[in-house]
């Protein structure tokens, strides 16, 4: 409770009595009391040996369950066909033979992996990209919030302290690694229709480069060229382009309609029809999702 002297002082000075401070102090005392009581209870349990017994029982049960699961997996593997056997599904399936014999001609990709992912399995890849988009959207809904003016001032001060005291080695290393990583990510992204690689791997490399830059130079520097609005526009545009392009391919293929020349040429960047732009769309989606998750979970903003 507020003392009589504090009340008289407030009356003389003309200032209101600060009941809120007294309430906060009381809450802190109660919280501290509960924390101390909980600590005492845990200490008492450890001294009595109850917690130690429960922990030992948990360890034994966990080991037994792990051994059972491993045994089941090993027993299941024993029923798999032998590697290289003539009766393996990979050798006897007509679907696999059709993919191998006609895959390059049907998809136009010089890289059969890209032809599988972005043509034969294009609907599945669309589902994977949609899962990434939905996951990022859900995390944004749960964690993203606009800061108040007071929080923005605090964040600005923290950013200045962060920049002043940040690791010099990390910054100089990032100046060298970030451009190289971005260049390599773009290479994997644009070369996916010609060699193994493509959207998912290239997008992962681009996302890692953005995360490294943010770690080295902070949020303020990163948001100058890649903020929440840019992230949102890129993600929506990439997924929309992918969905529309694949819908066109599905429609023409199902109805046996003519489509543009999709023949891929080894060493030629502009080839393989839609596979190159589809790789770019998937890569941007993956990169934005990676950096978005990192930003939200690390500093509660993109």
C-alpha atoms as a PDB file:
ATOM      1  CA  UNK A   1       0.000   0.000   0.000  1.00  0.00           C
ATOM      2  CA  UNK A   2       1.034   3.598  -0.495  1.00  0.00           C
ATOM      3  CA  UNK A   3       2.423   5.224   2.614  1.00  0.00           C
ATOM      4  CA  UNK A   4       0.850   8.313   4.236  1.00  0.00           C
ATOM      5  CA  UNK A   5       3.994  10.400   3.565  1.00  0.00           C
ATOM      6  CA  UNK A   6       3.841   9.632  -0.181  1.00  0.00           C
ATOM      7  CA  UNK A   7       0.166  10.607  -0.218  1.00  0.00           C
ATOM      8  CA  UNK A   8       0.858  13.963   1.521  1.00  0.00           C
ATOM      9  CA  UNK A   9       3.746  14.702  -0.827  1.00  0.00           C
ATOM     10  CA  UNK A  10       1.581  14.010  -3.842  1.00  0.00           C
ATOM     11  CA  UNK A  11      -1.191  16.239  -2.420  1.00  0.00           C
ATOM     12  CA  UNK A  12       1.211  19.131  -1.764  1.00  0.00           C
ATOM     13  CA  UNK A  13       2.934  18.856  -5.148  1.00  0.00           C
ATOM     14  CA  UNK A  14      -0.365  18.550  -6.967  1.00  0.00           C
ATOM     15  CA  UNK A  15       0.641  15.256  -8.620  1.00  0.00           C
ATOM     16  CA  UNK A  16      -1.626  12.207  -8.649  1.00  0.00           C
ATOM     17  CA  UNK A  17      -0.821   9.251  -6.491  1.00  0.00           C
ATOM     18  CA  UNK A  18       0.960   6.552  -8.515  1.00  0.00           C
ATOM     19  CA  UNK A  19      -1.073   3.516  -7.662  1.00  0.00           C
ATOM     20  CA  UNK A  20       0.142   1.702 -10.778  1.00  0.00           C
ATOM     21  CA  UNK A  21       3.745   1.588  -9.510  1.00  0.00           C
ATOM     22  CA  UNK A  22       2.589   0.104  -6.221  1.00  0.00           C
ATOM     23  CA  UNK A  23       0.536  -2.494  -8.103  1.00  0.00           C
ATOM     24  CA  UNK A  24       3.483  -3.454 -10.297  1.00  0.00           C
ATOM     25  CA  UNK A  25       5.672  -3.765  -7.214  1.00  0.00           C
ATOM     26  CA  UNK A  26       3.108  -6.029  -5.592  1.00  0.00           C
ATOM     27  CA  UNK A  27       2.893  -8.189  -8.709  1.00  0.00           C
ATOM     28  CA  UNK A  28       6.677  -8.515  -8.787  1.00  0.00           C
ATOM     29  CA  UNK A  29       6.732  -9.555  -5.138  1.00  0.00           C
ATOM     30  CA  UNK A  30       4.027 -12.159  -5.705  1.00  0.00           C
ATOM     31  CA  UNK A  31       5.778 -13.488  -8.811  1.00  0.00           C
ATOM     32  CA  UNK A  32       9.051 -13.705  -6.947  1.00  0.00           C
ATOM     33  CA  UNK A  33       7.318 -15.509  -4.107  1.00  0.00           C
ATOM     34  CA  UNK A  34       5.775 -18.058  -6.477  1.00  0.00           C
ATOM     35  CA  UNK A  35       9.093 -18.503  -8.263  1.00  0.00           C
ATOM     36  CA  UNK A  36      10.858 -19.100  -4.953  1.00  0.00           C
ATOM     37  CA  UNK A  37       8.174 -21.529  -3.865  1.00  0.00           C
ATOM     38  CA  UNK A  38       8.453 -23.493  -7.120  1.00  0.00           C
ATOM     39  CA  UNK A  39      12.245 -23.597  -6.804  1.00  0.00           C
ATOM     40  CA  UNK A  40      11.958 -24.849  -3.264  1.00  0.00           C
ATOM     41  CA  UNK A  41       9.530 -27.566  -4.348  1.00  0.00           C
ATOM     42  CA  UNK A  42      11.835 -28.732  -7.148  1.00  0.00           C
ATOM     43  CA  UNK A  43      14.801 -28.762  -4.777  1.00  0.00           C
ATOM     44  CA  UNK A  44      12.805 -30.760  -2.265  1.00  0.00           C
ATOM     45  CA  UNK A  45      11.836 -33.304  -4.959  1.00  0.00           C
ATOM     46  CA  UNK A  46      15.452 -33.718  -6.015  1.00  0.00           C
ATOM     47  CA  UNK A  47      16.547 -34.199  -2.435  1.00  0.00           C
ATOM     48  CA  UNK A  48      13.883 -36.860  -1.914  1.00  0.00           C
ATOM     49  CA  UNK A  49      14.946 -38.661  -5.089  1.00  0.00           C
ATOM     50  CA  UNK A  50      11.525 -38.504  -6.785  1.00  0.00           C
ATOM     51  CA  UNK A  51      12.765 -36.519  -9.780  1.00  0.00           C
ATOM     52  CA  UNK A  52      15.817 -38.748 -10.200  1.00  0.00           C
ATOM     53  CA  UNK A  53      13.663 -41.880 -10.236  1.00  0.00           C
ATOM     54  CA  UNK A  54      11.281 -40.413 -12.816  1.00  0.00           C
ATOM     55  CA  UNK A  55      14.173 -39.343 -15.028  1.00  0.00           C
ATOM     56  CA  UNK A  56      15.711 -42.825 -14.890  1.00  0.00           C
ATOM     57  CA  UNK A  57      12.387 -44.436 -15.798  1.00  0.00           C
ATOM     58  CA  UNK A  58      11.936 -42.018 -18.700  1.00  0.00           C
ATOM     59  CA  UNK A  59      15.428 -42.830 -20.014  1.00  0.00           C
ATOM     60  CA  UNK A  60      14.805 -46.581 -19.882  1.00  0.00           C
ATOM     61  CA  UNK A  61      11.449 -46.286 -21.697  1.00  0.00           C
ATOM     62  CA  UNK A  62      12.957 -44.007 -24.360  1.00  0.00           C
ATOM     63  CA  UNK A  63      15.810 -46.425 -25.059  1.00  0.00           C
ATOM     64  CA  UNK A  64      13.417 -49.377 -25.319  1.00  0.00           C
ATOM     65  CA  UNK A  65      11.145 -47.501 -27.750  1.00  0.00           C
ATOM     66  CA  UNK A  66      14.123 -46.453 -29.881  1.00  0.00           C
ATOM     67  CA  UNK A  67      15.407 -50.044 -30.077  1.00  0.00           C
ATOM     68  CA  UNK A  68      11.944 -51.302 -31.090  1.00  0.00           C
ATOM     69  CA  UNK A  69      11.616 -48.686 -33.852  1.00  0.00           C
ATOM     70  CA  UNK A  70      15.114 -49.431 -35.189  1.00  0.00           C
ATOM     71  CA  UNK A  71      14.398 -53.166 -35.193  1.00  0.00           C
ATOM     72  CA  UNK A  72      11.148 -52.634 -37.127  1.00  0.00           C
ATOM     73  CA  UNK A  73      12.907 -50.481 -39.724  1.00  0.00           C
ATOM     74  CA  UNK A  74      15.722 -53.001 -40.206  1.00  0.00           C
ATOM     75  CA  UNK A  75      13.193 -55.847 -40.544  1.00  0.00           C
ATOM     76  CA  UNK A  76      11.284 -53.862 -43.160  1.00  0.00           C
ATOM     77  CA  UNK A  77      14.445 -53.103 -45.150  1.00  0.00           C
ATOM     78  CA  UNK A  78      15.151 -56.833 -45.382  1.00  0.00           C
ATOM     79  CA  UNK A  79      12.081 -57.197 -47.655  1.00  0.00           C
ATOM     80  CA  UNK A  80      13.278 -54.611 -50.181  1.00  0.00           C
ATOM     81  CA  UNK A  81      14.391 -55.948 -53.612  1.00  0.00           C
ATOM     82  CA  UNK A  82      18.089 -56.494 -54.080  1.00  0.00           C
ATOM     83  CA  UNK A  83      20.031 -53.687 -55.706  1.00  0.00           C
ATOM     84  CA  UNK A  84      20.461 -54.297 -59.437  1.00  0.00           C
ATOM     85  CA  UNK A  85      18.053 -57.214 -59.552  1.00  0.00           C
ATOM     86  CA  UNK A  86      16.247 -57.894 -62.825  1.00  0.00           C
ATOM     87  CA  UNK A  87      12.876 -58.050 -61.084  1.00  0.00           C
ATOM     88  CA  UNK A  88      13.241 -54.686 -59.374  1.00  0.00           C
ATOM     89  CA  UNK A  89      10.365 -52.227 -59.998  1.00  0.00           C
ATOM     90  CA  UNK A  90      12.847 -49.797 -61.541  1.00  0.00           C
ATOM     91  CA  UNK A  91      13.721 -52.375 -64.205  1.00  0.00           C
ATOM     92  CA  UNK A  92      10.328 -53.977 -64.772  1.00  0.00           C
ATOM     93  CA  UNK A  93       8.024 -50.940 -64.648  1.00  0.00           C
ATOM     94  CA  UNK A  94       6.789 -49.702 -68.023  1.00  0.00           C
ATOM     95  CA  UNK A  95       6.309 -46.209 -66.581  1.00  0.00           C
ATOM     96  CA  UNK A  96       9.975 -45.920 -65.656  1.00  0.00           C
ATOM     97  CA  UNK A  97      11.018 -47.136 -69.114  1.00  0.00           C
ATOM     98  CA  UNK A  98       8.701 -44.608 -70.773  1.00  0.00           C
ATOM     99  CA  UNK A  99      10.153 -41.786 -68.662  1.00  0.00           C
ATOM    100  CA  UNK A 100      13.722 -42.750 -69.484  1.00  0.00           C
ATOM    101  CA  UNK A 101      13.132 -43.293 -73.200  1.00  0.00           C
ATOM    102  CA  UNK A 102      10.829 -40.349 -73.888  1.00  0.00           C
ATOM    103  CA  UNK A 103      11.587 -37.944 -71.027  1.00  0.00           C
ATOM    104  CA  UNK A 104      13.978 -35.662 -72.874  1.00  0.00           C
ATOM    105  CA  UNK A 105      11.726 -35.472 -75.936  1.00  0.00           C
ATOM    106  CA  UNK A 106       8.499 -34.929 -73.967  1.00  0.00           C
ATOM    107  CA  UNK A 107       9.784 -32.339 -71.508  1.00  0.00           C
ATOM    108  CA  UNK A 108      12.411 -30.595 -73.636  1.00  0.00           C
ATOM    109  CA  UNK A 109      14.866 -30.459 -70.735  1.00  0.00           C
ATOM    110  CA  UNK A 110      18.440 -31.556 -71.299  1.00  0.00           C
ATOM    111  CA  UNK A 111      18.484 -32.450 -67.597  1.00  0.00           C
ATOM    112  CA  UNK A 112      16.114 -35.329 -66.895  1.00  0.00           C
ATOM    113  CA  UNK A 113      15.785 -34.390 -63.205  1.00  0.00           C
ATOM    114  CA  UNK A 114      14.373 -30.972 -64.144  1.00  0.00           C
ATOM    115  CA  UNK A 115      12.045 -32.629 -66.635  1.00  0.00           C
ATOM    116  CA  UNK A 116      10.655 -34.894 -63.935  1.00  0.00           C
ATOM    117  CA  UNK A 117      10.189 -32.152 -61.323  1.00  0.00           C
ATOM    118  CA  UNK A 118       8.806 -29.420 -63.567  1.00  0.00           C
ATOM    119  CA  UNK A 119       6.908 -31.481 -66.142  1.00  0.00           C
ATOM    120  CA  UNK A 120       5.923 -35.016 -65.165  1.00  0.00           C
ATOM    121  CA  UNK A 121       5.705 -34.070 -61.475  1.00  0.00           C
ATOM    122  CA  UNK A 122       4.737 -30.446 -62.056  1.00  0.00           C
ATOM    123  CA  UNK A 123       1.458 -30.771 -60.155  1.00  0.00           C
ATOM    124  CA  UNK A 124       3.320 -32.174 -57.146  1.00  0.00           C
ATOM    125  CA  UNK A 125       5.854 -29.327 -57.320  1.00  0.00           C
ATOM    126  CA  UNK A 126       2.971 -26.846 -57.411  1.00  0.00           C
ATOM    127  CA  UNK A 127       1.680 -28.453 -54.219  1.00  0.00           C
ATOM    128  CA  UNK A 128       5.092 -28.153 -52.563  1.00  0.00           C
ATOM    129  CA  UNK A 129       5.347 -24.478 -53.501  1.00  0.00           C
ATOM    130  CA  UNK A 130       1.831 -23.895 -52.191  1.00  0.00           C
ATOM    131  CA  UNK A 131       2.771 -25.569 -48.902  1.00  0.00           C
ATOM    132  CA  UNK A 132       5.717 -23.171 -48.547  1.00  0.00           C
ATOM    133  CA  UNK A 133       3.471 -20.207 -49.293  1.00  0.00           C
ATOM    134  CA  UNK A 134       0.790 -21.317 -46.815  1.00  0.00           C
ATOM    135  CA  UNK A 135       3.376 -22.039 -44.122  1.00  0.00           C
ATOM    136  CA  UNK A 136       4.971 -18.602 -44.519  1.00  0.00           C
ATOM    137  CA  UNK A 137       1.557 -16.916 -44.529  1.00  0.00           C
ATOM    138  CA  UNK A 138       0.547 -18.752 -41.358  1.00  0.00           C
ATOM    139  CA  UNK A 139       3.726 -17.766 -39.546  1.00  0.00           C
ATOM    140  CA  UNK A 140       3.228 -14.142 -40.604  1.00  0.00           C
ATOM    141  CA  UNK A 141      -0.342 -14.183 -39.285  1.00  0.00           C
ATOM    142  CA  UNK A 142       0.813 -15.596 -35.947  1.00  0.00           C
ATOM    143  CA  UNK A 143       3.988 -13.581 -35.367  1.00  0.00           C
ATOM    144  CA  UNK A 144       3.974 -10.440 -37.478  1.00  0.00           C
ATOM    145  CA  UNK A 145       2.801  -7.215 -35.868  1.00  0.00           C
ATOM    146  CA  UNK A 146       3.469  -3.539 -36.471  1.00  0.00           C
ATOM    147  CA  UNK A 147       5.582  -1.864 -33.831  1.00  0.00           C
ATOM    148  CA  UNK A 148       4.454   1.148 -31.861  1.00  0.00           C
ATOM    149  CA  UNK A 149       6.419   4.390 -32.018  1.00  0.00           C
ATOM    150  CA  UNK A 150       8.037   3.659 -28.670  1.00  0.00           C
ATOM    151  CA  UNK A 151       9.095   0.190 -29.843  1.00  0.00           C
ATOM    152  CA  UNK A 152      10.493   1.661 -33.054  1.00  0.00           C
ATOM    153  CA  UNK A 153      12.635   4.096 -31.030  1.00  0.00           C
ATOM    154  CA  UNK A 154      13.921   1.251 -28.863  1.00  0.00           C
ATOM    155  CA  UNK A 155      14.638  -0.847 -31.964  1.00  0.00           C
ATOM    156  CA  UNK A 156      16.550   2.063 -33.521  1.00  0.00           C
ATOM    157  CA  UNK A 157      18.732   2.442 -30.431  1.00  0.00           C
ATOM    158  CA  UNK A 158      19.337  -1.313 -30.301  1.00  0.00           C
ATOM    159  CA  UNK A 159      20.242  -1.296 -33.993  1.00  0.00           C
ATOM    160  CA  UNK A 160      22.803   1.478 -33.444  1.00  0.00           C
ATOM    161  CA  UNK A 161      24.355  -0.416 -30.549  1.00  0.00           C
ATOM    162  CA  UNK A 162      24.240  -3.579 -32.639  1.00  0.00           C
ATOM    163  CA  UNK A 163      26.071  -1.900 -35.519  1.00  0.00           C
ATOM    164  CA  UNK A 164      28.675  -0.280 -33.288  1.00  0.00           C
ATOM    165  CA  UNK A 165      29.589  -3.416 -31.382  1.00  0.00           C
ATOM    166  CA  UNK A 166      29.129  -6.016 -34.102  1.00  0.00           C
ATOM    167  CA  UNK A 167      31.833  -8.484 -35.082  1.00  0.00           C
ATOM    168  CA  UNK A 168      34.243  -6.935 -37.565  1.00  0.00           C
ATOM    169  CA  UNK A 169      35.359 -10.354 -38.808  1.00  0.00           C
ATOM    170  CA  UNK A 170      31.768 -11.330 -39.625  1.00  0.00           C
ATOM    171  CA  UNK A 171      31.169  -8.112 -41.539  1.00  0.00           C
ATOM    172  CA  UNK A 172      34.323  -8.346 -43.629  1.00  0.00           C
ATOM    173  CA  UNK A 173      33.692 -12.026 -44.254  1.00  0.00           C
ATOM    174  CA  UNK A 174      30.128 -11.288 -45.349  1.00  0.00           C
ATOM    175  CA  UNK A 175      31.372  -8.647 -47.800  1.00  0.00           C
ATOM    176  CA  UNK A 176      33.250 -11.436 -49.573  1.00  0.00           C
ATOM    177  CA  UNK A 177      30.850 -14.358 -49.084  1.00  0.00           C
ATOM    178  CA  UNK A 178      27.484 -12.700 -49.786  1.00  0.00           C
ATOM    179  CA  UNK A 179      28.224 -11.632 -53.420  1.00  0.00           C
ATOM    180  CA  UNK A 180      29.799 -15.019 -54.177  1.00  0.00           C
ATOM    181  CA  UNK A 181      26.861 -16.883 -52.601  1.00  0.00           C
ATOM    182  CA  UNK A 182      24.316 -14.790 -54.496  1.00  0.00           C
ATOM    183  CA  UNK A 183      26.175 -15.393 -57.758  1.00  0.00           C
ATOM    184  CA  UNK A 184      26.313 -19.131 -57.130  1.00  0.00           C
ATOM    185  CA  UNK A 185      22.605 -19.196 -56.227  1.00  0.00           C
ATOM    186  CA  UNK A 186      21.691 -17.402 -59.466  1.00  0.00           C
ATOM    187  CA  UNK A 187      23.901 -19.839 -61.413  1.00  0.00           C
ATOM    188  CA  UNK A 188      22.156 -22.879 -59.876  1.00  0.00           C
ATOM    189  CA  UNK A 189      18.774 -21.241 -60.475  1.00  0.00           C
ATOM    190  CA  UNK A 190      19.385 -20.439 -64.148  1.00  0.00           C
ATOM    191  CA  UNK A 191      21.267 -23.649 -64.879  1.00  0.00           C
ATOM    192  CA  UNK A 192      18.668 -26.039 -63.455  1.00  0.00           C
ATOM    193  CA  UNK A 193      17.244 -26.970 -66.872  1.00  0.00           C
ATOM    194  CA  UNK A 194      20.713 -27.847 -68.173  1.00  0.00           C
ATOM    195  CA  UNK A 195      22.216 -29.696 -65.211  1.00  0.00           C
ATOM    196  CA  UNK A 196      21.083 -31.052 -61.789  1.00  0.00           C
ATOM    197  CA  UNK A 197      19.923 -28.172 -59.635  1.00  0.00           C
ATOM    198  CA  UNK A 198      17.157 -25.688 -60.132  1.00  0.00           C
ATOM    199  CA  UNK A 199      14.570 -23.815 -58.124  1.00  0.00           C
ATOM    200  CA  UNK A 200      14.692 -25.469 -54.704  1.00  0.00           C
ATOM    201  CA  UNK A 201      18.482 -25.675 -54.403  1.00  0.00           C
ATOM    202  CA  UNK A 202      19.088 -22.251 -55.983  1.00  0.00           C
ATOM    203  CA  UNK A 203      16.418 -20.637 -53.788  1.00  0.00           C
ATOM    204  CA  UNK A 204      17.974 -22.172 -50.692  1.00  0.00           C
ATOM    205  CA  UNK A 205      21.355 -20.668 -51.584  1.00  0.00           C
ATOM    206  CA  UNK A 206      19.815 -17.237 -52.226  1.00  0.00           C
ATOM    207  CA  UNK A 207      17.946 -17.381 -48.910  1.00  0.00           C
ATOM    208  CA  UNK A 208      21.153 -18.309 -47.087  1.00  0.00           C
ATOM    209  CA  UNK A 209      22.907 -15.311 -48.638  1.00  0.00           C
ATOM    210  CA  UNK A 210      20.154 -12.958 -47.425  1.00  0.00           C
ATOM    211  CA  UNK A 211      20.316 -14.431 -43.923  1.00  0.00           C
ATOM    212  CA  UNK A 212      24.102 -14.026 -43.830  1.00  0.00           C
ATOM    213  CA  UNK A 213      23.811 -10.384 -44.910  1.00  0.00           C
ATOM    214  CA  UNK A 214      21.206  -9.735 -42.219  1.00  0.00           C
ATOM    215  CA  UNK A 215      23.385 -11.355 -39.556  1.00  0.00           C
ATOM    216  CA  UNK A 216      26.360  -9.245 -40.548  1.00  0.00           C
ATOM    217  CA  UNK A 217      24.752  -5.844 -41.138  1.00  0.00           C
ATOM    218  CA  UNK A 218      21.455  -5.940 -39.245  1.00  0.00           C
ATOM    219  CA  UNK A 219      17.795  -5.386 -40.095  1.00  0.00           C
ATOM    220  CA  UNK A 220      18.111  -1.705 -40.963  1.00  0.00           C
ATOM    221  CA  UNK A 221      20.566  -2.309 -43.790  1.00  0.00           C
ATOM    222  CA  UNK A 222      18.666  -5.335 -45.101  1.00  0.00           C
ATOM    223  CA  UNK A 223      15.322  -3.535 -45.219  1.00  0.00           C
ATOM    224  CA  UNK A 224      16.757  -0.900 -47.560  1.00  0.00           C
ATOM    225  CA  UNK A 225      16.520  -3.406 -50.422  1.00  0.00           C
ATOM    226  CA  UNK A 226      14.452  -6.328 -49.053  1.00  0.00           C
ATOM    227  CA  UNK A 227      11.662  -5.524 -46.608  1.00  0.00           C
ATOM    228  CA  UNK A 228       8.298  -7.073 -45.766  1.00  0.00           C
ATOM    229  CA  UNK A 229       6.435  -5.521 -48.710  1.00  0.00           C
ATOM    230  CA  UNK A 230       9.027  -6.679 -51.249  1.00  0.00           C
ATOM    231  CA  UNK A 231       9.013 -10.162 -49.731  1.00  0.00           C
ATOM    232  CA  UNK A 232       5.223 -10.319 -49.989  1.00  0.00           C
ATOM    233  CA  UNK A 233       5.108  -9.126 -53.608  1.00  0.00           C
ATOM    234  CA  UNK A 234       7.848 -11.524 -54.738  1.00  0.00           C
ATOM    235  CA  UNK A 235       6.248 -14.537 -53.022  1.00  0.00           C
ATOM    236  CA  UNK A 236       2.772 -13.893 -54.424  1.00  0.00           C
ATOM    237  CA  UNK A 237       4.089 -13.112 -57.920  1.00  0.00           C
ATOM    238  CA  UNK A 238       6.306 -16.213 -58.032  1.00  0.00           C
ATOM    239  CA  UNK A 239       3.564 -18.607 -56.927  1.00  0.00           C
ATOM    240  CA  UNK A 240       0.960 -16.998 -59.218  1.00  0.00           C
ATOM    241  CA  UNK A 241       3.276 -17.222 -62.226  1.00  0.00           C
ATOM    242  CA  UNK A 242       4.051 -20.863 -61.485  1.00  0.00           C
ATOM    243  CA  UNK A 243       0.375 -21.767 -61.068  1.00  0.00           C
ATOM    244  CA  UNK A 244      -0.691 -19.993 -64.293  1.00  0.00           C
ATOM    245  CA  UNK A 245       2.158 -21.459 -66.346  1.00  0.00           C
ATOM    246  CA  UNK A 246       1.544 -24.992 -65.161  1.00  0.00           C
ATOM    247  CA  UNK A 247      -2.213 -24.628 -65.640  1.00  0.00           C
ATOM    248  CA  UNK A 248      -1.540 -23.708 -69.258  1.00  0.00           C
ATOM    249  CA  UNK A 249       0.722 -26.745 -69.667  1.00  0.00           C
ATOM    250  CA  UNK A 250      -1.847 -29.034 -68.029  1.00  0.00           C
ATOM    251  CA  UNK A 251      -4.624 -27.725 -70.259  1.00  0.00           C
ATOM    252  CA  UNK A 252      -2.732 -28.027 -73.538  1.00  0.00           C
ATOM    253  CA  UNK A 253      -1.291 -31.436 -72.679  1.00  0.00           C
ATOM    254  CA  UNK A 254      -4.604 -32.928 -71.570  1.00  0.00           C
ATOM    255  CA  UNK A 255      -6.369 -31.680 -74.696  1.00  0.00           C
ATOM    256  CA  UNK A 256      -3.505 -32.519 -77.094  1.00  0.00           C
ATOM    257  CA  UNK A 257      -3.164 -28.894 -78.161  1.00  0.00           C
ATOM    258  CA  UNK A 258       0.028 -27.543 -79.745  1.00  0.00           C
ATOM    259  CA  UNK A 259       2.471 -25.856 -77.374  1.00  0.00           C
ATOM    260  CA  UNK A 260       5.512 -23.668 -78.117  1.00  0.00           C
ATOM    261  CA  UNK A 261       8.823 -25.294 -78.995  1.00  0.00           C
ATOM    262  CA  UNK A 262      10.230 -26.686 -75.755  1.00  0.00           C
ATOM    263  CA  UNK A 263      13.354 -28.404 -77.039  1.00  0.00           C
ATOM    264  CA  UNK A 264      16.288 -27.804 -74.757  1.00  0.00           C
ATOM    265  CA  UNK A 265      19.783 -27.178 -76.053  1.00  0.00           C
ATOM    266  CA  UNK A 266      22.793 -28.101 -73.933  1.00  0.00           C
ATOM    267  CA  UNK A 267      24.767 -24.987 -73.060  1.00  0.00           C
ATOM    268  CA  UNK A 268      21.988 -22.632 -74.177  1.00  0.00           C
ATOM    269  CA  UNK A 269      20.466 -20.570 -71.381  1.00  0.00           C
ATOM    270  CA  UNK A 270      17.257 -19.651 -73.210  1.00  0.00           C
ATOM    271  CA  UNK A 271      15.842 -23.085 -73.962  1.00  0.00           C
ATOM    272  CA  UNK A 272      13.588 -25.831 -72.534  1.00  0.00           C
ATOM    273  CA  UNK A 273      10.445 -23.740 -72.808  1.00  0.00           C
ATOM    274  CA  UNK A 274       8.760 -23.093 -69.461  1.00  0.00           C
ATOM    275  CA  UNK A 275      11.274 -25.007 -67.338  1.00  0.00           C
ATOM    276  CA  UNK A 276      13.668 -22.084 -66.929  1.00  0.00           C
ATOM    277  CA  UNK A 277      11.062 -19.506 -65.777  1.00  0.00           C
ATOM    278  CA  UNK A 278       9.426 -22.156 -63.577  1.00  0.00           C
ATOM    279  CA  UNK A 279      12.782 -22.762 -61.897  1.00  0.00           C
ATOM    280  CA  UNK A 280      13.105 -19.023 -61.276  1.00  0.00           C
ATOM    281  CA  UNK A 281       9.622 -18.842 -59.771  1.00  0.00           C
ATOM    282  CA  UNK A 282      10.246 -21.767 -57.428  1.00  0.00           C
ATOM    283  CA  UNK A 283      13.641 -20.335 -56.433  1.00  0.00           C
ATOM    284  CA  UNK A 284      12.208 -16.953 -55.480  1.00  0.00           C
ATOM    285  CA  UNK A 285       9.446 -18.665 -53.491  1.00  0.00           C
ATOM    286  CA  UNK A 286      11.946 -20.762 -51.533  1.00  0.00           C
ATOM    287  CA  UNK A 287      14.340 -17.846 -50.921  1.00  0.00           C
ATOM    288  CA  UNK A 288      11.585 -15.565 -49.610  1.00  0.00           C
ATOM    289  CA  UNK A 289      10.189 -18.314 -47.392  1.00  0.00           C
ATOM    290  CA  UNK A 290      13.593 -19.077 -45.856  1.00  0.00           C
ATOM    291  CA  UNK A 291      14.394 -15.446 -45.122  1.00  0.00           C
ATOM    292  CA  UNK A 292      10.854 -14.774 -43.919  1.00  0.00           C
ATOM    293  CA  UNK A 293      11.001 -17.604 -41.378  1.00  0.00           C
ATOM    294  CA  UNK A 294      14.394 -16.436 -40.147  1.00  0.00           C
ATOM    295  CA  UNK A 295      13.277 -12.821 -39.772  1.00  0.00           C
ATOM    296  CA  UNK A 296      10.045 -13.621 -37.972  1.00  0.00           C
ATOM    297  CA  UNK A 297      11.517 -16.074 -35.506  1.00  0.00           C
ATOM    298  CA  UNK A 298      14.689 -14.036 -34.924  1.00  0.00           C
ATOM    299  CA  UNK A 299      13.450 -10.446 -34.586  1.00  0.00           C
ATOM    300  CA  UNK A 300       9.666 -10.821 -34.943  1.00  0.00           C
ATOM    301  CA  UNK A 301       9.518  -8.949 -38.221  1.00  0.00           C
ATOM    302  CA  UNK A 302      10.389  -9.319 -41.887  1.00  0.00           C
END
